[in-house]
C-alpha atoms as a PDB file:
ATOM      1  CA  UNK A   1      -0.035  -0.043  -0.075  1.00  0.00           C
ATOM      2  CA  UNK A   2       3.041   2.148   0.574  1.00  0.00           C
ATOM      3  CA  UNK A   3       3.042   3.140  -3.372  1.00  0.00           C
ATOM      4  CA  UNK A   4      -0.395   3.844  -3.705  1.00  0.00           C
ATOM      5  CA  UNK A   5      -1.207   7.060  -5.344  1.00  0.00           C
ATOM      6  CA  UNK A   6      -4.262   9.616  -5.159  1.00  0.00           C
ATOM      7  CA  UNK A   7      -4.810  11.725  -7.687  1.00  0.00           C
ATOM      8  CA  UNK A   8      -6.051  15.082  -6.223  1.00  0.00           C
ATOM      9  CA  UNK A   9      -7.171  18.712  -7.942  1.00  0.00           C
ATOM     10  CA  UNK A  10      -6.211  21.506  -5.624  1.00  0.00           C
ATOM     11  CA  UNK A  11      -6.338  25.424  -5.891  1.00  0.00           C
ATOM     12  CA  UNK A  12      -2.820  26.960  -5.138  1.00  0.00           C
ATOM     13  CA  UNK A  13      -1.514  30.627  -5.126  1.00  0.00           C
ATOM     14  CA  UNK A  14       0.158  30.707  -8.476  1.00  0.00           C
ATOM     15  CA  UNK A  15       3.343  32.781  -6.870  1.00  0.00           C
ATOM     16  CA  UNK A  16       3.558  30.391  -4.082  1.00  0.00           C
ATOM     17  CA  UNK A  17       3.790  27.812  -6.396  1.00  0.00           C
ATOM     18  CA  UNK A  18       6.226  29.141  -8.855  1.00  0.00           C
ATOM     19  CA  UNK A  19       8.671  30.231  -5.824  1.00  0.00           C
ATOM     20  CA  UNK A  20       8.450  26.516  -4.346  1.00  0.00           C
ATOM     21  CA  UNK A  21       9.129  25.084  -7.937  1.00  0.00           C
ATOM     22  CA  UNK A  22      12.361  27.699  -8.137  1.00  0.00           C
ATOM     23  CA  UNK A  23      13.354  26.342  -4.778  1.00  0.00           C
ATOM     24  CA  UNK A  24      13.188  22.626  -5.657  1.00  0.00           C
ATOM     25  CA  UNK A  25      13.917  23.094  -9.456  1.00  0.00           C
ATOM     26  CA  UNK A  26      11.235  20.199 -10.030  1.00  0.00           C
ATOM     27  CA  UNK A  27       7.834  19.998 -11.881  1.00  0.00           C
ATOM     28  CA  UNK A  28       4.460  20.660  -9.879  1.00  0.00           C
ATOM     29  CA  UNK A  29       3.945  17.169  -8.473  1.00  0.00           C
ATOM     30  CA  UNK A  30       7.714  16.581  -7.524  1.00  0.00           C
ATOM     31  CA  UNK A  31       7.467  19.912  -5.795  1.00  0.00           C
ATOM     32  CA  UNK A  32       4.153  19.513  -3.781  1.00  0.00           C
ATOM     33  CA  UNK A  33       5.561  15.944  -2.845  1.00  0.00           C
ATOM     34  CA  UNK A  34       8.584  17.549  -1.511  1.00  0.00           C
ATOM     35  CA  UNK A  35       6.682  19.902   0.534  1.00  0.00           C
ATOM     36  CA  UNK A  36       4.485  17.221   2.213  1.00  0.00           C
ATOM     37  CA  UNK A  37       7.705  15.114   2.850  1.00  0.00           C
ATOM     38  CA  UNK A  38       9.173  18.610   4.685  1.00  0.00           C
ATOM     39  CA  UNK A  39       6.139  18.901   6.645  1.00  0.00           C
ATOM     40  CA  UNK A  40       6.457  15.137   7.757  1.00  0.00           C
ATOM     41  CA  UNK A  41       9.959  15.598   8.577  1.00  0.00           C
ATOM     42  CA  UNK A  42       9.123  18.794  10.689  1.00  0.00           C
ATOM     43  CA  UNK A  43       6.524  16.841  12.728  1.00  0.00           C
ATOM     44  CA  UNK A  44       9.179  13.897  13.651  1.00  0.00           C
ATOM     45  CA  UNK A  45      11.512  16.550  14.447  1.00  0.00           C
ATOM     46  CA  UNK A  46       8.885  18.056  17.066  1.00  0.00           C
ATOM     47  CA  UNK A  47       7.898  14.491  18.502  1.00  0.00           C
ATOM     48  CA  UNK A  48      11.758  13.929  18.736  1.00  0.00           C
ATOM     49  CA  UNK A  49      12.245  17.449  20.701  1.00  0.00           C
ATOM     50  CA  UNK A  50       9.338  16.384  22.963  1.00  0.00           C
ATOM     51  CA  UNK A  51      11.074  13.402  24.312  1.00  0.00           C
ATOM     52  CA  UNK A  52      14.243  15.551  25.295  1.00  0.00           C
ATOM     53  CA  UNK A  53      15.234  14.997  28.922  1.00  0.00           C
ATOM     54  CA  UNK A  54      12.768  11.879  28.845  1.00  0.00           C
ATOM     55  CA  UNK A  55      14.861   9.227  27.288  1.00  0.00           C
ATOM     56  CA  UNK A  56      18.364   8.245  29.017  1.00  0.00           C
ATOM     57  CA  UNK A  57      20.945   6.725  26.822  1.00  0.00           C
ATOM     58  CA  UNK A  58      23.675   5.323  28.388  1.00  0.00           C
ATOM     59  CA  UNK A  59      26.325   4.766  25.572  1.00  0.00           C
ATOM     60  CA  UNK A  60      30.232   3.978  25.941  1.00  0.00           C
ATOM     61  CA  UNK A  61      31.578   6.594  23.615  1.00  0.00           C
ATOM     62  CA  UNK A  62      35.171   4.604  23.127  1.00  0.00           C
ATOM     63  CA  UNK A  63      33.102   1.439  22.483  1.00  0.00           C
ATOM     64  CA  UNK A  64      31.064   3.328  19.806  1.00  0.00           C
ATOM     65  CA  UNK A  65      33.952   4.379  17.928  1.00  0.00           C
ATOM     66  CA  UNK A  66      35.491   0.999  17.239  1.00  0.00           C
END
């Protein structure tokens, strides 16, 4: 199901889309996918930040460097 696709129709501000396409250097579909993936990464980072100070990790740095 990971490769399932959904066809949608959206109305977007033309200038916003133009700027986003300039940033990505990609077409419309790839630019929108890149934006959705960026939103997903942002959410994951926020979830990780919420764990700050709650997870204790006990590592031996010398052992991990080998």
